[in-house]
Amino acid sequence: MGAADGNDIAVPFALLPDTAAVAPGGGLEDVGLRASLTYVSSEHLILRLFADVNRFTADTADSPIVLQRTQRFLGGGIAYHF
């Protein structure tokens, strides 16, 4: 969950060429859910999967640069340490 005042939202979510002006207020910026799974395969090898789902709210969601209110992210990684 993210919260911001109007100045924090105004810069990244305000104007692009050929878009209407936006005067964002403050408040709850987004809500989300994150899950991760870590598997220690051996003493040196770690595998990780993660997923995020976020939904923009209020003035952030109404910005002309937001194409979808709900954003999803899926990732993974492998780590080896000596």
Protein backbone atom coordinates (compact mmCIF):
# COMPACT_ATOMS: atom_id res chain seq x y z
CA MET A 1 0.00 0.00 0.00
CA GLY A 2 1.33 3.41 -0.86
CA ALA A 3 0.25 6.81 0.33
CA ALA A 4 1.29 10.21 -0.99
CA ASP A 5 0.36 13.84 -0.92
CA GLY A 6 -0.56 15.80 -4.05
CA ASN A 7 3.03 16.87 -4.74
CA ASP A 8 4.33 13.28 -4.69
CA ILE A 9 1.71 12.16 -7.21
CA ALA A 10 1.85 15.27 -9.42
CA VAL A 11 5.34 14.73 -10.82
CA PRO A 12 5.18 11.14 -12.13
CA PHE A 13 1.45 11.11 -12.92
CA ALA A 14 0.78 14.62 -14.23
CA LEU A 15 1.25 15.69 -17.85
CA LEU A 16 2.37 14.24 -21.12
CA PRO A 17 2.09 16.03 -24.46
CA ASP A 18 -1.51 16.08 -25.75
CA THR A 19 -3.07 15.12 -22.39
CA ALA A 20 -5.38 17.05 -20.11
CA ALA A 21 -3.98 18.69 -17.00
CA VAL A 22 -4.29 16.68 -13.82
CA ALA A 23 -4.45 18.20 -10.34
CA PRO A 24 -3.95 15.21 -8.03
CA GLY A 25 -4.79 15.34 -4.37
CA GLY A 26 -3.22 13.29 -1.61
CA GLY A 27 -4.26 9.96 -0.22
CA LEU A 28 -3.94 6.29 -0.89
CA GLU A 29 -1.87 5.78 -4.04
CA ASP A 30 -2.21 2.03 -4.55
CA VAL A 31 -2.98 -1.26 -2.82
CA GLY A 32 -1.29 -4.52 -3.60
CA LEU A 33 -0.40 -8.05 -2.77
CA ARG A 34 3.01 -9.72 -2.97
CA ALA A 35 3.95 -13.37 -2.64
CA SER A 36 7.34 -15.03 -2.85
CA LEU A 37 8.71 -18.53 -2.67
CA THR A 38 12.33 -19.29 -1.85
CA TYR A 39 13.85 -22.74 -2.20
CA VAL A 40 17.34 -23.53 -0.90
CA SER A 41 18.46 -26.22 -3.33
CA SER A 42 21.89 -26.77 -1.79
CA GLU A 43 24.40 -25.04 0.43
CA HIS A 44 25.26 -22.70 -2.46
CA LEU A 45 22.16 -22.52 -4.70
CA ILE A 46 18.92 -20.61 -4.02
CA LEU A 47 15.86 -20.44 -6.30
CA ARG A 48 13.24 -17.71 -5.91
CA LEU A 49 9.85 -16.98 -7.51
CA PHE A 50 7.73 -13.93 -6.79
CA ALA A 51 4.51 -12.29 -7.92
CA ASP A 52 3.01 -8.84 -7.34
CA VAL A 53 -0.45 -7.46 -8.06
CA ASN A 54 -1.07 -3.74 -7.53
CA ARG A 55 -4.14 -1.59 -8.17
CA PHE A 56 -3.89 2.17 -8.47
CA THR A 57 -6.54 4.09 -6.57
CA ALA A 58 -8.09 7.56 -6.58
CA ASP A 59 -6.17 10.33 -8.38
CA THR A 60 -3.32 8.04 -9.40
CA ALA A 61 -5.70 5.76 -11.30
CA ASP A 62 -7.26 8.77 -13.08
CA SER A 63 -3.93 9.94 -14.52
CA PRO A 64 -3.78 9.96 -18.33
CA ILE A 65 -0.55 7.91 -18.31
CA VAL A 66 -2.14 4.99 -16.44
CA LEU A 67 -3.28 2.49 -19.06
CA GLN A 68 -4.47 -0.20 -16.64
CA ARG A 69 -5.46 0.27 -13.03
CA THR A 70 -4.32 -3.24 -12.14
CA GLN A 71 -0.69 -4.14 -12.73
CA ARG A 72 0.77 -7.62 -12.42
CA PHE A 73 4.40 -8.69 -12.17
CA LEU A 74 5.87 -12.18 -12.12
CA GLY A 75 9.57 -12.91 -11.72
CA GLY A 76 12.15 -15.36 -10.63
CA GLY A 77 15.81 -15.71 -9.96
CA ILE A 78 18.66 -18.04 -9.23
CA ALA A 79 21.43 -17.16 -6.81
CA TYR A 80 24.71 -18.96 -6.33
CA HIS A 81 27.11 -18.00 -3.60
CA PHE A 82 30.58 -19.30 -2.84
